[in-house]
Protein backbone atom coordinates (compact mmCIF):
# COMPACT_ATOMS: atom_id res chain seq x y z
CA MET A 1 21.85 -48.81 -81.87
CA GLN A 2 19.60 -46.70 -84.08
CA ASN A 3 16.65 -49.08 -83.54
CA SER A 4 17.06 -48.95 -79.76
CA CYS A 5 17.11 -45.13 -79.85
CA ILE A 6 13.96 -45.07 -81.97
CA SER A 7 12.31 -47.56 -79.63
CA LEU A 8 13.22 -45.45 -76.59
CA LEU A 9 11.94 -42.27 -78.24
CA THR A 10 8.70 -44.02 -79.18
CA LYS A 11 8.19 -45.15 -75.57
CA LEU A 12 8.95 -41.68 -74.20
CA PHE A 13 6.55 -40.06 -76.67
CA ALA A 14 3.82 -42.56 -75.75
CA MET A 15 4.37 -41.91 -72.03
CA LYS A 16 4.24 -38.14 -72.53
CA ASN A 17 0.94 -38.36 -74.42
CA GLU A 18 -0.65 -40.93 -72.13
CA GLN A 19 -3.91 -39.72 -70.64
CA PRO A 20 -4.35 -40.04 -66.86
CA ASN A 21 -6.54 -42.90 -65.65
CA ILE A 22 -9.36 -41.98 -63.26
CA LEU A 23 -11.41 -44.57 -61.38
CA ILE A 24 -14.97 -43.63 -60.38
CA VAL A 25 -16.44 -45.91 -57.70
CA ASP A 26 -20.12 -45.64 -56.82
CA ASP A 27 -22.82 -48.30 -56.42
CA SER A 28 -25.24 -45.98 -58.27
CA SER A 29 -25.07 -46.32 -62.04
CA THR A 30 -26.65 -42.86 -62.28
CA ASN A 31 -23.84 -41.28 -60.24
CA ASN A 32 -21.17 -43.16 -62.19
CA LEU A 33 -22.69 -42.02 -65.49
CA LEU A 34 -23.02 -38.42 -64.25
CA LEU A 35 -19.31 -38.29 -63.30
CA GLU A 36 -18.18 -40.15 -66.40
CA THR A 37 -20.10 -37.67 -68.56
CA ALA A 38 -18.75 -34.69 -66.61
CA PHE A 39 -15.14 -35.80 -67.23
CA LYS A 40 -15.57 -36.51 -70.96
CA GLY A 41 -13.58 -34.10 -73.08
CA HIS A 42 -10.97 -33.54 -70.36
CA ASN A 43 -8.31 -35.89 -71.80
CA LEU A 44 -8.84 -38.57 -69.18
CA ASN A 45 -9.34 -42.33 -69.38
CA ILE A 46 -12.30 -43.15 -67.17
CA PHE A 47 -12.76 -46.48 -65.41
CA THR A 48 -15.89 -47.22 -63.37
CA ALA A 49 -16.64 -49.69 -60.61
CA PHE A 50 -19.93 -50.34 -58.84
CA SER A 51 -18.57 -51.94 -55.65
CA GLY A 52 -15.54 -51.86 -53.41
CA GLU A 53 -14.50 -55.33 -54.54
CA GLU A 54 -14.70 -54.32 -58.21
CA ALA A 55 -12.74 -51.14 -57.46
CA LEU A 56 -9.87 -53.12 -55.94
CA LYS A 57 -9.75 -55.38 -59.01
CA VAL A 58 -9.57 -52.35 -61.31
CA LEU A 59 -6.88 -50.77 -59.13
CA ASN A 60 -4.77 -53.93 -59.09
CA ASN A 61 -5.04 -54.48 -62.86
CA ASN A 62 -4.60 -50.93 -64.16
CA ASN A 63 -2.35 -47.94 -63.66
CA ILE A 64 -4.88 -45.65 -61.95
CA ASP A 65 -3.83 -42.05 -61.25
CA LEU A 66 -6.76 -40.92 -59.09
CA VAL A 67 -9.85 -42.44 -57.44
CA LEU A 68 -13.25 -40.83 -56.87
CA LEU A 69 -14.75 -43.02 -54.16
CA ASP A 70 -18.28 -43.09 -52.75
CA ILE A 71 -18.40 -43.81 -49.03
CA MET A 72 -21.78 -45.49 -48.66
CA MET A 73 -21.87 -48.69 -50.69
CA PRO A 74 -23.34 -52.09 -49.83
CA GLY A 75 -20.81 -54.71 -48.78
CA MET A 76 -17.43 -53.03 -48.80
CA SER A 77 -17.76 -49.34 -47.92
CA GLY A 78 -15.59 -46.59 -49.33
CA TYR A 79 -13.71 -46.58 -46.02
CA ASP A 80 -13.02 -50.31 -46.38
CA VAL A 81 -11.67 -49.70 -49.89
CA LEU A 82 -9.52 -46.83 -48.65
CA GLU A 83 -8.06 -49.07 -45.93
CA LYS A 84 -7.16 -51.72 -48.55
CA ILE A 85 -5.59 -49.05 -50.77
CA ASN A 86 -3.49 -47.82 -47.83
CA GLU A 87 -2.32 -51.37 -47.04
CA ASN A 88 -0.99 -51.89 -50.57
CA ASP A 89 2.38 -50.25 -51.34
CA LYS A 90 1.54 -50.18 -55.06
CA LEU A 91 -1.71 -48.28 -54.45
CA SER A 92 -1.11 -46.20 -51.34
CA SER A 93 0.25 -43.16 -53.20
CA ILE A 94 -2.85 -42.80 -55.42
CA PRO A 95 -4.87 -39.67 -54.54
CA VAL A 96 -8.38 -40.53 -53.35
CA ILE A 97 -11.28 -38.10 -53.28
CA LEU A 98 -14.17 -39.30 -51.13
CA VAL A 99 -17.68 -38.47 -52.27
CA THR A 100 -20.66 -38.75 -49.93
CA ALA A 101 -24.29 -37.80 -49.43
CA ARG A 102 -23.66 -37.56 -45.67
CA SER A 103 -22.68 -34.31 -44.05
CA ARG A 104 -19.03 -33.34 -44.08
CA MET A 105 -18.90 -33.10 -40.28
CA GLU A 106 -20.03 -36.72 -39.91
CA GLU A 107 -17.40 -38.10 -42.22
CA GLU A 108 -14.45 -35.74 -42.34
CA LYS A 109 -12.70 -36.95 -39.17
CA ARG A 110 -12.60 -40.60 -40.24
CA ALA A 111 -11.65 -39.64 -43.79
CA LYS A 112 -8.70 -37.60 -42.54
CA GLU A 113 -7.58 -40.45 -40.28
CA LEU A 114 -7.46 -42.69 -43.36
CA GLY A 115 -5.42 -40.15 -45.32
CA VAL A 116 -7.99 -39.13 -47.89
CA THR A 117 -6.77 -36.48 -50.33
CA ASP A 118 -10.02 -34.52 -50.47
CA PHE A 119 -13.70 -34.78 -49.63
CA PHE A 120 -16.80 -33.70 -51.60
CA GLU A 121 -20.44 -33.74 -50.53
CA LYS A 122 -23.31 -34.63 -52.85
CA PRO A 123 -24.83 -32.92 -54.69
CA LEU A 124 -21.47 -32.34 -56.31
CA LYS A 125 -20.28 -29.02 -57.65
CA LEU A 126 -18.86 -30.55 -60.82
CA GLU A 127 -16.76 -27.55 -61.91
CA ILE A 128 -14.95 -27.54 -58.57
CA LEU A 129 -14.51 -31.33 -58.57
CA ILE A 130 -13.10 -31.32 -62.12
CA ALA A 131 -10.67 -28.53 -61.22
CA LYS A 132 -9.53 -30.46 -58.12
CA VAL A 133 -9.01 -33.66 -60.11
CA LYS A 134 -6.97 -31.82 -62.73
CA GLU A 135 -4.88 -30.18 -60.01
CA LEU A 136 -4.15 -33.55 -58.38
CA ILE A 137 -3.09 -35.19 -61.65
CA ASN A 138 -1.04 -32.16 -62.70
CA GLN A 139 -3.23 -31.34 -65.69
CA PRO A 140 -3.98 -27.73 -66.71
CA VAL A 141 -7.41 -26.55 -65.59
């Protein structure tokens, strides 16, 4: 009995101290590195993917709490990835922030139709993006 209580307490403590997992998806290694660097020191585990296909593999093999997703990528676009996320019951509740170099007016309607959580235009205002991410994962700003 005592061992099972200790085991349960250990698991609860580990869960409480677990850092949120953020997935950054962009075909540009420069953009991925920029975002990864911006989020360092914010108590987050950062995963990166350079394509839609790679993003889906990461999502299916890890417990991801939030996705930062570029729209314009070769092959599978950010919209294609978002559609696949929405089709999967395990993934559909994950907040997704779309990031694009296109104008907001061009993209916002389709993004809203696909249930995107938020939308940011490049060049990114990193302080605002970090605050939004922390808000969505229930982490103090």
